[in-house]
Amino acid sequence: MKNFLYVMVIFVIAVFAVSCSTPAPSPEPDPAPAPQQESFEQVYEAYADTLILDGALNHTVVRGNTLSEITQAEYGENNLYYFPLIMLASQTAGISDPDLIMPGMELTIPDLSTNLNNPGSRSQIKSFLEKIAGVYDRKNQAATAQNLRDLAATL
């Protein structure tokens, strides 16, 4: 019995010694920015000079505003999926995610007719909408992505 107690004490000491000598885990690195955020910003940067801003309107977001409502109010009920154009035009305000508009943000609303009637701008908008659809795919928002692709196909 005495030998058993000695073995147990040695075992406990060995376990304690090993646990004390194990280095502490290193702290977790800062989380990377959300991939969809980076993707929106990358697409906006690539298409920064796409839109004609002559005749653009300004809109200050107020509590309760949604980008969908603003887009429909400015472009009409059937033009909901042109909301990425407002986001693209509003990049100087630091707005990058259409789902994260906040009261006080200043949106720039480009004139839709002016942009769609210009062949160069129209072509760039088509490409832009297709790229933004890819961002929505990565956000697992397949319906929005498909609606954006469908709209791009009409241009």
N, C-alpha and C. Protein backbone atom coordinates (compact mmCIF):
# COMPACT_ATOMS: atom_id res chain seq x y z
N MET A 1 0.81 -1.19 0.00
CA MET A 1 0.00 0.00 0.00
C MET A 1 0.85 1.25 0.00
N LYS A 2 1.96 1.17 0.72
CA LYS A 2 2.87 2.30 0.78
C LYS A 2 3.43 2.59 -0.61
N ASN A 3 3.78 1.56 -1.34
CA ASN A 3 4.31 1.75 -2.70
C ASN A 3 3.27 2.39 -3.61
N PHE A 4 2.03 1.99 -3.43
CA PHE A 4 0.96 2.56 -4.23
C PHE A 4 0.84 4.06 -3.98
N LEU A 5 0.93 4.50 -2.74
CA LEU A 5 0.86 5.92 -2.40
C LEU A 5 2.04 6.68 -3.01
N TYR A 6 3.23 6.08 -2.96
CA TYR A 6 4.40 6.74 -3.56
C TYR A 6 4.20 6.90 -5.07
N VAL A 7 3.70 5.89 -5.72
CA VAL A 7 3.46 5.94 -7.17
C VAL A 7 2.43 7.03 -7.48
N MET A 8 1.37 7.12 -6.70
CA MET A 8 0.34 8.13 -6.93
C MET A 8 0.89 9.54 -6.73
N VAL A 9 1.69 9.75 -5.71
CA VAL A 9 2.28 11.06 -5.46
C VAL A 9 3.20 11.44 -6.62
N ILE A 10 4.02 10.51 -7.06
CA ILE A 10 4.93 10.78 -8.19
C ILE A 10 4.12 11.08 -9.45
N PHE A 11 3.05 10.35 -9.66
CA PHE A 11 2.21 10.58 -10.83
C PHE A 11 1.61 11.99 -10.79
N VAL A 12 1.07 12.40 -9.64
CA VAL A 12 0.47 13.73 -9.50
C VAL A 12 1.53 14.81 -9.71
N ILE A 13 2.70 14.62 -9.17
CA ILE A 13 3.78 15.61 -9.35
C ILE A 13 4.18 15.68 -10.83
N ALA A 14 4.25 14.55 -11.50
CA ALA A 14 4.63 14.53 -12.91
C ALA A 14 3.58 15.24 -13.76
N VAL A 15 2.32 14.99 -13.49
CA VAL A 15 1.25 15.65 -14.24
C VAL A 15 1.31 17.15 -14.00
N PHE A 16 1.51 17.56 -12.75
CA PHE A 16 1.61 18.97 -12.43
C PHE A 16 2.79 19.62 -13.14
N ALA A 17 3.92 18.97 -13.15
CA ALA A 17 5.13 19.51 -13.78
C ALA A 17 4.93 19.66 -15.29
N VAL A 18 4.32 18.68 -15.92
CA VAL A 18 4.07 18.76 -17.37
C VAL A 18 3.11 19.89 -17.68
N SER A 19 2.06 20.00 -16.89
CA SER A 19 1.08 21.05 -17.16
C SER A 19 1.67 22.44 -16.96
N CYS A 20 2.58 22.59 -16.03
CA CYS A 20 3.21 23.89 -15.79
C CYS A 20 4.21 24.24 -16.87
N SER A 21 4.80 23.24 -17.49
CA SER A 21 5.82 23.52 -18.49
C SER A 21 5.22 23.75 -19.88
N THR A 22 3.93 23.47 -20.07
CA THR A 22 3.30 23.68 -21.37
C THR A 22 3.10 25.18 -21.56
N PRO A 23 3.58 25.74 -22.68
CA PRO A 23 3.43 27.18 -22.89
C PRO A 23 1.95 27.56 -23.02
N ALA A 24 1.66 28.74 -22.56
CA ALA A 24 0.29 29.23 -22.66
C ALA A 24 -0.04 29.44 -24.13
N PRO A 25 -1.28 29.22 -24.49
CA PRO A 25 -1.64 29.44 -25.89
C PRO A 25 -1.46 30.91 -26.26
N SER A 26 -1.03 31.15 -27.49
CA SER A 26 -0.84 32.53 -27.93
C SER A 26 -2.20 33.18 -28.11
N PRO A 27 -2.27 34.49 -27.90
CA PRO A 27 -3.56 35.17 -28.03
C PRO A 27 -4.07 35.06 -29.46
N GLU A 28 -5.38 35.06 -29.59
CA GLU A 28 -5.99 35.00 -30.92
C GLU A 28 -5.68 36.29 -31.67
N PRO A 29 -5.36 36.18 -32.96
CA PRO A 29 -5.12 37.40 -33.75
C PRO A 29 -6.43 38.17 -33.91
N ASP A 30 -6.31 39.46 -34.20
CA ASP A 30 -7.50 40.26 -34.45
C ASP A 30 -8.26 39.65 -35.62
N PRO A 31 -9.59 39.61 -35.52
CA PRO A 31 -10.35 39.03 -36.62
C PRO A 31 -10.18 39.87 -37.88
N ALA A 32 -10.14 39.18 -39.00
CA ALA A 32 -10.02 39.86 -40.29
C ALA A 32 -11.36 40.51 -40.60
N PRO A 33 -11.35 41.56 -41.44
CA PRO A 33 -12.61 42.17 -41.83
C PRO A 33 -13.50 41.14 -42.52
N ALA A 34 -14.79 41.33 -42.41
CA ALA A 34 -15.73 40.39 -43.03
C ALA A 34 -15.46 40.31 -44.53
N PRO A 35 -15.42 39.09 -45.09
CA PRO A 35 -15.10 38.95 -46.51
C PRO A 35 -16.05 39.72 -47.41
N GLN A 36 -17.37 39.75 -47.10
CA GLN A 36 -18.27 40.48 -47.97
C GLN A 36 -17.97 41.97 -47.95
N GLN A 37 -17.51 42.49 -46.82
CA GLN A 37 -17.16 43.90 -46.72
C GLN A 37 -16.00 44.19 -47.67
N GLU A 38 -14.97 43.38 -47.62
CA GLU A 38 -13.83 43.57 -48.51
C GLU A 38 -14.28 43.44 -49.96
N SER A 39 -15.16 42.51 -50.23
CA SER A 39 -15.60 42.32 -51.60
C SER A 39 -16.38 43.52 -52.12
N PHE A 40 -17.29 44.07 -51.32
CA PHE A 40 -18.00 45.27 -51.75
C PHE A 40 -16.99 46.37 -52.06
N GLU A 41 -16.07 46.59 -51.14
CA GLU A 41 -15.10 47.66 -51.32
C GLU A 41 -14.25 47.44 -52.55
N GLN A 42 -13.85 46.22 -52.82
CA GLN A 42 -13.03 45.93 -54.00
C GLN A 42 -13.80 46.22 -55.28
N VAL A 43 -15.06 45.83 -55.32
CA VAL A 43 -15.87 46.08 -56.52
C VAL A 43 -16.11 47.57 -56.69
N TYR A 44 -16.45 48.26 -55.60
CA TYR A 44 -16.66 49.70 -55.70
C TYR A 44 -15.41 50.41 -56.20
N GLU A 45 -14.27 50.00 -55.69
CA GLU A 45 -13.01 50.63 -56.12
C GLU A 45 -12.77 50.40 -57.61
N ALA A 46 -13.04 49.20 -58.08
CA ALA A 46 -12.82 48.89 -59.49
C ALA A 46 -13.75 49.69 -60.41
N TYR A 47 -14.91 50.07 -59.92
CA TYR A 47 -15.89 50.78 -60.75
C TYR A 47 -16.11 52.22 -60.30
N ALA A 48 -15.17 52.78 -59.57
CA ALA A 48 -15.32 54.11 -58.97
C ALA A 48 -15.68 55.20 -59.98
N ASP A 49 -15.17 55.13 -61.18
CA ASP A 49 -15.41 56.19 -62.17
C ASP A 49 -16.47 55.81 -63.20
N THR A 50 -17.32 54.87 -62.87
CA THR A 50 -18.31 54.34 -63.80
C THR A 50 -19.48 55.28 -64.04
N LEU A 51 -19.98 55.89 -62.99
CA LEU A 51 -21.24 56.63 -63.08
C LEU A 51 -21.07 58.08 -63.49
N ILE A 52 -22.07 58.55 -64.19
CA ILE A 52 -22.18 59.98 -64.50
C ILE A 52 -22.97 60.59 -63.33
N LEU A 53 -22.38 61.55 -62.68
CA LEU A 53 -23.03 62.13 -61.51
C LEU A 53 -23.68 63.49 -61.78
N ASP A 54 -23.68 63.92 -63.05
CA ASP A 54 -24.41 65.14 -63.40
C ASP A 54 -25.89 64.91 -63.09
N GLY A 55 -26.49 65.83 -62.37
CA GLY A 55 -27.90 65.71 -62.03
C GLY A 55 -28.18 64.78 -60.86
N ALA A 56 -27.13 64.32 -60.18
CA ALA A 56 -27.33 63.43 -59.02
C ALA A 56 -28.00 64.18 -57.88
N LEU A 57 -28.77 63.47 -57.10
CA LEU A 57 -29.42 64.03 -55.92
C LEU A 57 -28.69 63.58 -54.67
N ASN A 58 -28.88 64.31 -53.60
CA ASN A 58 -28.34 63.91 -52.30
C ASN A 58 -29.49 63.51 -51.41
N HIS A 59 -29.24 62.52 -50.57
CA HIS A 59 -30.26 62.07 -49.63
C HIS A 59 -29.58 61.77 -48.30
N THR A 60 -30.07 62.40 -47.24
CA THR A 60 -29.56 62.11 -45.90
C THR A 60 -30.44 61.03 -45.30
N VAL A 61 -29.83 59.94 -44.91
CA VAL A 61 -30.56 58.82 -44.34
C VAL A 61 -31.13 59.23 -42.98
N VAL A 62 -32.40 58.94 -42.79
CA VAL A 62 -33.06 59.18 -41.51
C VAL A 62 -33.47 57.84 -40.91
N ARG A 63 -33.74 57.88 -39.63
CA ARG A 63 -34.13 56.66 -38.92
C ARG A 63 -35.31 56.00 -39.65
N GLY A 64 -35.19 54.71 -39.88
CA GLY A 64 -36.25 53.95 -40.54
C GLY A 64 -36.06 53.81 -42.03
N ASN A 65 -35.15 54.61 -42.64
CA ASN A 65 -34.89 54.47 -44.07
C ASN A 65 -34.24 53.12 -44.35
N THR A 66 -34.62 52.53 -45.47
CA THR A 66 -33.89 51.38 -45.98
C THR A 66 -33.44 51.73 -47.39
N LEU A 67 -32.39 51.11 -47.83
CA LEU A 67 -31.90 51.39 -49.17
C LEU A 67 -32.93 50.98 -50.21
N SER A 68 -33.67 49.92 -49.94
CA SER A 68 -34.72 49.48 -50.87
C SER A 68 -35.78 50.57 -51.04
N GLU A 69 -36.22 51.14 -49.93
CA GLU A 69 -37.24 52.19 -50.00
C GLU A 69 -36.72 53.42 -50.73
N ILE A 70 -35.50 53.80 -50.44
CA ILE A 70 -34.91 54.97 -51.09
C ILE A 70 -34.79 54.73 -52.59
N THR A 71 -34.33 53.55 -52.96
CA THR A 71 -34.17 53.22 -54.38
C THR A 71 -35.51 53.25 -55.09
N GLN A 72 -36.53 52.65 -54.51
CA GLN A 72 -37.85 52.64 -55.14
C GLN A 72 -38.45 54.04 -55.21
N ALA A 73 -38.22 54.86 -54.19
CA ALA A 73 -38.75 56.22 -54.20
C ALA A 73 -38.09 57.05 -55.30
N GLU A 74 -36.81 56.84 -55.52
CA GLU A 74 -36.08 57.65 -56.50
C GLU A 74 -36.15 57.09 -57.92
N TYR A 75 -36.16 55.76 -58.05
CA TYR A 75 -36.08 55.13 -59.38
C TYR A 75 -37.37 54.44 -59.81
N GLY A 76 -38.34 54.32 -58.91
CA GLY A 76 -39.60 53.66 -59.25
C GLY A 76 -39.67 52.26 -58.68
N GLU A 77 -40.90 51.80 -58.51
CA GLU A 77 -41.16 50.49 -57.89
C GLU A 77 -40.46 49.34 -58.59
N ASN A 78 -40.36 49.39 -59.91
CA ASN A 78 -39.79 48.27 -60.67
C ASN A 78 -38.28 48.32 -60.78
N ASN A 79 -37.65 49.26 -60.14
CA ASN A 79 -36.20 49.43 -60.28
C ASN A 79 -35.45 49.20 -58.97
N LEU A 80 -35.98 48.37 -58.12
CA LEU A 80 -35.40 48.10 -56.81
C LEU A 80 -33.94 47.66 -56.90
N TYR A 81 -33.60 46.86 -57.88
CA TYR A 81 -32.26 46.27 -57.91
C TYR A 81 -31.19 47.19 -58.52
N TYR A 82 -31.53 48.46 -58.66
CA TYR A 82 -30.51 49.46 -59.01
C TYR A 82 -29.87 50.04 -57.75
N PHE A 83 -30.21 49.51 -56.58
CA PHE A 83 -29.64 50.04 -55.34
C PHE A 83 -28.12 50.04 -55.33
N PRO A 84 -27.41 49.10 -56.00
CA PRO A 84 -25.94 49.18 -55.97
C PRO A 84 -25.39 50.46 -56.60
N LEU A 85 -26.15 51.07 -57.51
CA LEU A 85 -25.68 52.32 -58.12
C LEU A 85 -25.61 53.43 -57.06
N ILE A 86 -26.57 53.45 -56.17
CA ILE A 86 -26.55 54.45 -55.10
C ILE A 86 -25.34 54.20 -54.19
N MET A 87 -25.08 52.95 -53.89
CA MET A 87 -23.92 52.63 -53.05
C MET A 87 -22.62 53.01 -53.75
N LEU A 88 -22.52 52.73 -55.02
CA LEU A 88 -21.32 53.08 -55.78
C LEU A 88 -21.11 54.59 -55.78
N ALA A 89 -22.17 55.33 -56.02
CA ALA A 89 -22.07 56.80 -56.05
C ALA A 89 -21.79 57.38 -54.67
N SER A 90 -22.11 56.65 -53.62
CA SER A 90 -21.99 57.16 -52.25
C SER A 90 -20.69 56.76 -51.57
N GLN A 91 -19.73 56.25 -52.28
CA GLN A 91 -18.51 55.75 -51.67
C GLN A 91 -17.71 56.81 -50.94
N THR A 92 -17.79 58.04 -51.37
CA THR A 92 -17.03 59.09 -50.68
C THR A 92 -17.54 59.32 -49.26
N ALA A 93 -18.77 58.85 -48.98
CA ALA A 93 -19.33 58.98 -47.63
C ALA A 93 -18.90 57.83 -46.73
N GLY A 94 -18.11 56.91 -47.26
CA GLY A 94 -17.63 55.80 -46.45
C GLY A 94 -18.66 54.69 -46.27
N ILE A 95 -19.63 54.63 -47.13
CA ILE A 95 -20.66 53.61 -47.05
C ILE A 95 -20.23 52.46 -47.94
N SER A 96 -20.13 51.26 -47.34
CA SER A 96 -19.67 50.14 -48.16
C SER A 96 -20.65 48.99 -48.24
N ASP A 97 -21.49 48.80 -47.25
CA ASP A 97 -22.40 47.66 -47.27
C ASP A 97 -23.83 48.17 -47.36
N PRO A 98 -24.57 47.77 -48.40
CA PRO A 98 -25.95 48.24 -48.56
C PRO A 98 -26.86 47.87 -47.39
N ASP A 99 -26.49 46.85 -46.64
CA ASP A 99 -27.31 46.43 -45.51
C ASP A 99 -27.01 47.24 -44.25
N LEU A 100 -26.05 48.15 -44.33
CA LEU A 100 -25.63 48.87 -43.13
C LEU A 100 -25.69 50.39 -43.28
N ILE A 101 -26.77 50.90 -43.86
CA ILE A 101 -26.91 52.35 -43.90
C ILE A 101 -27.45 52.81 -42.56
N MET A 102 -27.00 53.97 -42.14
CA MET A 102 -27.35 54.48 -40.81
C MET A 102 -27.85 55.92 -40.92
N PRO A 103 -28.68 56.34 -39.98
CA PRO A 103 -29.13 57.74 -39.97
C PRO A 103 -27.94 58.69 -39.99
N GLY A 104 -28.08 59.73 -40.79
CA GLY A 104 -27.03 60.74 -40.91
C GLY A 104 -26.11 60.51 -42.11
N MET A 105 -26.09 59.31 -42.66
CA MET A 105 -25.24 59.05 -43.82
C MET A 105 -25.78 59.83 -45.02
N GLU A 106 -24.85 60.32 -45.82
CA GLU A 106 -25.21 61.08 -47.01
C GLU A 106 -25.08 60.18 -48.24
N LEU A 107 -26.21 59.94 -48.89
CA LEU A 107 -26.20 59.12 -50.11
C LEU A 107 -26.23 60.03 -51.33
N THR A 108 -25.53 59.61 -52.36
CA THR A 108 -25.59 60.27 -53.65
C THR A 108 -26.43 59.38 -54.56
N ILE A 109 -27.45 59.96 -55.16
CA ILE A 109 -28.35 59.19 -56.01
C ILE A 109 -28.17 59.64 -57.45
N PRO A 110 -27.43 58.85 -58.23
CA PRO A 110 -27.18 59.24 -59.61
C PRO A 110 -28.47 59.20 -60.44
N ASP A 111 -28.51 60.04 -61.46
CA ASP A 111 -29.67 60.06 -62.34
C ASP A 111 -29.64 58.78 -63.18
N LEU A 112 -30.66 57.95 -63.01
CA LEU A 112 -30.69 56.64 -63.67
C LEU A 112 -30.78 56.79 -65.18
N SER A 113 -31.64 57.67 -65.67
CA SER A 113 -31.81 57.85 -67.12
C SER A 113 -30.53 58.31 -67.78
N THR A 114 -29.86 59.28 -67.17
CA THR A 114 -28.60 59.78 -67.74
C THR A 114 -27.59 58.65 -67.88
N ASN A 115 -27.49 57.81 -66.87
CA ASN A 115 -26.51 56.73 -66.89
C ASN A 115 -26.89 55.62 -67.85
N LEU A 116 -28.16 55.27 -67.92
CA LEU A 116 -28.57 54.18 -68.80
C LEU A 116 -28.62 54.60 -70.26
N ASN A 117 -28.78 55.90 -70.53
CA ASN A 117 -28.81 56.38 -71.92
C ASN A 117 -27.43 56.58 -72.50
N ASN A 118 -26.39 56.52 -71.67
CA ASN A 118 -25.02 56.64 -72.14
C ASN A 118 -24.47 55.22 -72.36
N PRO A 119 -24.13 54.86 -73.62
CA PRO A 119 -23.69 53.48 -73.89
C PRO A 119 -22.49 53.02 -73.05
N GLY A 120 -21.53 53.89 -72.84
CA GLY A 120 -20.36 53.51 -72.05
C GLY A 120 -20.72 53.26 -70.60
N SER A 121 -21.50 54.16 -70.03
CA SER A 121 -21.93 54.01 -68.65
C SER A 121 -22.82 52.78 -68.49
N ARG A 122 -23.72 52.59 -69.44
CA ARG A 122 -24.62 51.43 -69.40
C ARG A 122 -23.84 50.12 -69.40
N SER A 123 -22.83 50.04 -70.22
CA SER A 123 -21.99 48.84 -70.30
C SER A 123 -21.26 48.60 -68.98
N GLN A 124 -20.74 49.66 -68.39
CA GLN A 124 -20.05 49.54 -67.11
C GLN A 124 -21.01 49.15 -65.98
N ILE A 125 -22.22 49.69 -66.02
CA ILE A 125 -23.22 49.34 -65.01
C ILE A 125 -23.56 47.86 -65.11
N LYS A 126 -23.69 47.36 -66.33
CA LYS A 126 -23.98 45.94 -66.52
C LYS A 126 -22.89 45.08 -65.87
N SER A 127 -21.65 45.40 -66.15
CA SER A 127 -20.52 44.66 -65.58
C SER A 127 -20.49 44.80 -64.06
N PHE A 128 -20.73 46.00 -63.57
CA PHE A 128 -20.75 46.27 -62.13
C PHE A 128 -21.82 45.43 -61.42
N LEU A 129 -23.02 45.40 -61.98
CA LEU A 129 -24.10 44.63 -61.37
C LEU A 129 -23.77 43.14 -61.33
N GLU A 130 -23.11 42.64 -62.36
CA GLU A 130 -22.70 41.23 -62.37
C GLU A 130 -21.68 40.95 -61.27
N LYS A 131 -20.73 41.87 -61.07
CA LYS A 131 -19.73 41.71 -60.01
C LYS A 131 -20.38 41.77 -58.63
N ILE A 132 -21.30 42.71 -58.44
CA ILE A 132 -21.99 42.82 -57.15
C ILE A 132 -22.83 41.56 -56.90
N ALA A 133 -23.38 40.97 -57.95
CA ALA A 133 -24.12 39.72 -57.79
C ALA A 133 -23.20 38.64 -57.20
N GLY A 134 -21.95 38.63 -57.62
CA GLY A 134 -20.98 37.69 -57.06
C GLY A 134 -20.76 37.90 -55.57
N VAL A 135 -20.76 39.15 -55.15
CA VAL A 135 -20.62 39.46 -53.72
C VAL A 135 -21.82 38.88 -52.96
N TYR A 136 -23.00 39.05 -53.51
CA TYR A 136 -24.19 38.51 -52.85
C TYR A 136 -24.19 36.99 -52.82
N ASP A 137 -23.59 36.37 -53.83
CA ASP A 137 -23.42 34.91 -53.78
C ASP A 137 -22.58 34.53 -52.57
N ARG A 138 -21.48 35.26 -52.35
CA ARG A 138 -20.60 34.97 -51.21
C ARG A 138 -21.27 35.27 -49.86
N LYS A 139 -22.26 36.14 -49.87
CA LYS A 139 -23.03 36.44 -48.65
C LYS A 139 -24.18 35.46 -48.47
N ASN A 140 -24.24 34.46 -49.34
CA ASN A 140 -25.32 33.46 -49.31
C ASN A 140 -26.70 34.09 -49.49
N GLN A 141 -26.77 35.09 -50.36
CA GLN A 141 -28.04 35.74 -50.69
C GLN A 141 -28.31 35.51 -52.18
N ALA A 142 -28.62 34.25 -52.50
CA ALA A 142 -28.77 33.82 -53.89
C ALA A 142 -29.88 34.56 -54.63
N ALA A 143 -30.97 34.86 -53.96
CA ALA A 143 -32.08 35.54 -54.64
C ALA A 143 -31.68 36.94 -55.09
N THR A 144 -31.02 37.68 -54.22
CA THR A 144 -30.55 39.02 -54.59
C THR A 144 -29.53 38.92 -55.73
N ALA A 145 -28.62 37.96 -55.62
CA ALA A 145 -27.61 37.77 -56.68
C ALA A 145 -28.29 37.50 -58.02
N GLN A 146 -29.29 36.64 -58.02
CA GLN A 146 -29.98 36.31 -59.28
C GLN A 146 -30.74 37.51 -59.83
N ASN A 147 -31.39 38.27 -58.96
CA ASN A 147 -32.10 39.47 -59.42
C ASN A 147 -31.14 40.49 -60.03
N LEU A 148 -29.97 40.64 -59.45
CA LEU A 148 -28.97 41.54 -60.01
C LEU A 148 -28.49 41.04 -61.37
N ARG A 149 -28.27 39.75 -61.50
CA ARG A 149 -27.87 39.18 -62.80
C ARG A 149 -28.96 39.35 -63.85
N ASP A 150 -30.19 39.13 -63.43
CA ASP A 150 -31.32 39.31 -64.36
C ASP A 150 -31.39 40.74 -64.85
N LEU A 151 -31.21 41.69 -63.93
CA LEU A 151 -31.23 43.10 -64.32
C LEU A 151 -30.06 43.40 -65.28
N ALA A 152 -28.87 42.92 -64.93
CA ALA A 152 -27.71 43.14 -65.80
C ALA A 152 -27.94 42.58 -67.20
N ALA A 153 -28.63 41.47 -67.29
CA ALA A 153 -28.88 40.86 -68.60
C ALA A 153 -29.78 41.72 -69.48
N THR A 154 -30.55 42.62 -68.87
CA THR A 154 -31.43 43.50 -69.67
C THR A 154 -30.68 44.72 -70.21
N LEU A 155 -29.48 44.93 -69.74
CA LEU A 155 -28.74 46.14 -70.16
C LEU A 155 -27.91 45.90 -71.40
